[in-house]
Protein backbone atom coordinates (compact mmCIF):
# COMPACT_ATOMS: atom_id res chain seq x y z
CA MET A 1 97.77 108.99 190.00
CA PHE A 2 94.61 108.14 188.05
CA ASP A 3 90.91 107.45 189.30
CA ILE A 4 87.64 106.52 186.93
CA ARG A 5 84.46 106.45 188.86
CA ARG A 6 80.49 107.79 188.35
CA GLY A 7 79.47 110.70 189.69
CA ALA A 8 75.49 110.80 191.16
CA ASN A 9 73.80 111.44 187.92
CA GLY A 10 75.87 109.03 185.81
CA GLU A 11 78.59 111.20 184.83
CA VAL A 12 82.28 109.49 184.52
CA LEU A 13 84.58 111.29 186.45
CA ILE A 14 88.15 110.81 185.43
CA SER A 15 91.26 112.75 187.34
CA GLY A 16 95.03 112.61 187.54
CA ARG A 17 97.09 111.32 184.31
CA LEU A 18 95.31 108.97 181.46
CA ASP A 19 98.17 107.26 180.15
CA ALA A 20 98.99 103.59 178.70
CA ALA A 21 98.91 101.92 182.22
CA GLN A 22 95.54 103.21 182.73
CA VAL A 23 93.75 102.46 179.75
CA ASP A 24 92.50 98.91 180.45
CA ARG A 25 90.50 100.52 183.85
CA VAL A 26 88.80 102.92 181.14
CA ARG A 27 87.89 100.18 179.23
CA GLU A 28 86.50 98.42 181.72
CA GLU A 29 84.52 101.44 182.87
CA LEU A 30 83.18 101.93 179.62
CA LYS A 31 82.45 98.23 178.31
CA ASN A 32 78.70 98.34 179.04
CA GLN A 33 78.31 101.59 178.25
CA ALA A 34 75.16 101.99 175.77
CA THR A 35 73.98 105.38 175.65
CA SER A 36 75.01 108.09 175.61
CA CYS A 37 77.23 109.81 178.51
CA GLU A 38 78.88 112.85 180.42
CA VAL A 39 83.19 112.46 180.59
CA ASN A 40 83.71 114.74 182.83
CA PHE A 41 87.53 116.17 182.65
CA GLU A 42 87.72 118.56 185.32
CA LYS A 43 90.24 117.45 188.02
CA LEU A 44 92.24 115.49 184.93
CA ASP A 45 96.24 116.55 185.02
CA TYR A 46 97.18 114.52 181.50
CA ILE A 47 95.71 112.59 178.95
CA SER A 48 98.20 110.37 176.44
CA SER A 49 97.77 109.13 172.89
CA ALA A 50 96.66 105.76 174.14
CA GLY A 51 94.31 107.20 176.72
CA MET A 52 92.66 109.52 173.44
CA GLY A 53 92.89 106.18 171.58
CA VAL A 54 90.55 104.30 174.41
CA LEU A 55 87.92 107.18 174.20
CA LEU A 56 88.39 107.12 170.44
CA GLY A 57 87.12 103.40 170.76
CA VAL A 58 84.49 103.74 173.30
CA GLN A 59 83.34 106.60 170.54
CA LYS A 60 83.54 105.05 167.55
CA ARG A 61 81.40 102.02 169.18
CA LEU A 62 78.35 104.34 170.70
CA SER A 63 78.30 106.51 167.44
CA ALA A 64 77.26 103.57 165.60
CA ASN A 65 73.96 103.39 167.60
CA GLY A 66 73.94 107.02 167.27
CA GLN A 67 75.19 107.58 170.59
CA GLY A 68 78.62 109.36 171.81
CA LEU A 69 80.69 110.41 174.45
CA ILE A 70 80.17 114.42 175.94
CA LEU A 71 83.56 115.43 177.13
CA THR A 72 83.15 118.03 179.74
CA ASN A 73 85.71 120.53 181.73
CA MET A 74 89.03 120.19 179.75
CA ASN A 75 91.76 122.66 180.56
CA ARG A 76 93.02 124.05 177.90
CA HIS A 77 95.80 122.29 177.10
CA ILE A 78 93.89 119.03 176.88
CA ARG A 79 91.30 120.95 174.89
CA GLU A 80 94.04 121.37 172.15
CA LEU A 81 95.63 118.00 172.11
CA PHE A 82 92.10 116.99 171.52
CA THR A 83 91.74 120.33 168.56
CA ILE A 84 95.01 119.33 167.17
CA ALA A 85 94.50 115.53 166.41
CA GLY A 86 90.60 116.44 164.81
CA PHE A 87 89.00 114.88 167.78
CA ASN A 88 86.54 118.19 168.42
CA HIS A 89 85.14 117.00 164.90
CA VAL A 90 84.35 112.77 166.46
CA PHE A 91 83.40 114.15 170.28
CA THR A 92 80.80 116.60 171.89
CA ILE A 93 83.36 118.86 173.80
CA LYS A 94 81.42 120.99 176.27
């Protein structure tokens, strides 16, 4: 199961499993994002390469205007995936 929603402070809260079947929901939620925002991974259990790819696409669009995604509260496994992929040099990860 996957869920994406906005928190009270505007952060993006994602939970469950972000795989190819869910990337359209993420793309839709973030399509109008024009400024930097926090994406909270605290309740995310799994992310596929398709999920990572959709986040990378948003990051590229935002970085063209000096903005970006700030990824927070990753579990150890997901943080390792982002590091192996070199995404720790692309995103701000806290």
